[in-house]
Amino acid sequence: MLSLVLIIAAVCLVTSAAWALWRYPARLTEDAAAESPQGFIQRQVRYQIAFGALAAIVVVLAHQLSPPERARMFGIGALASPVQMEAFGLPHVDGVSWVQGGCLLTLGFGLATLALVFGSLRNIQNWPAFFGKFGFWVIAISAVNALSEELIYRGAIIAVARELWEPSQVALLSAVLFALAHVCGQASGFAVVTGSAVVGWCLAIVTMQTHGLFWAWCAHCVQDVVIFLSFLGAMTDAMHHHDAAQSSGPVA
């Protein structure tokens, strides 16, 4: 039980550090809300490097605290493992593997996230130019962010807690810690925290059933791509309105 307490404490400390890492640069600007898309990407790159280093520390600690056979939890996993639908409260269906289930999960989470942030994305006037300018950085940042969070909130937690608790309890712990991470995260608010709890619970179940992080990372990454695009879309729209207001103002 001491090992579980230690890993939970480490995850909470890393979460607090991540909040500070993200919010501190914003305090150095006069108006963080007026941040440009280019500035946002630069800040993301610096943040992801620091957050990735924190995730690596948590992984090393989890390796030390968990049995050797649990080390594989940080790998890709068995992608064709059977889907145990009972864990999701669904009827059992023979012959369904996580090859199909993982694709459906990724698509479902991506579409659900798209529906939530559609208002920010619909303001983008020229999608080819917008994606050509920001697409690479959005995908790279999303992939790294999703990997770091999955290593912390799924891999480390499950590797240590799985020996002590039942799967449902482990999934609940992962969901709670993942939800708390979004209380003061880049995206926050009641809806975000609640949705993060649901996502965290589902991804913990997937990780335990496949004994790896691939499908959890994949679904998480697609969600982050949509979210970061919405951030940039909102910033681009705000800058467009700001420039329009300045150009239509009286000339001294």
Foldseek 3Di string as FASTA:
>chain_A
DVLLVVLLVLLVVLLVVLLCLLCVVCVVDPHSLLDALVNVLVSLVVSLVVLLVSLVVSLVSLCVQFDVVLNLLADQFAQFFADPCVLVVDDDDPPHGNVVVLVVLLVVLLVVLCVVLVVLVVLDDDVVVLCVVCVVSQLVSLLSVLSSLCSRLASSQCRNCVVPDPLQVSLQSSLQSQLVSQCSDPHHDDVSSVVSSVLSSVQNSVSVRRSYRNSNSSSSSSSSSSVSSSVNSNSVSVVVVVVVVVVPDDDD
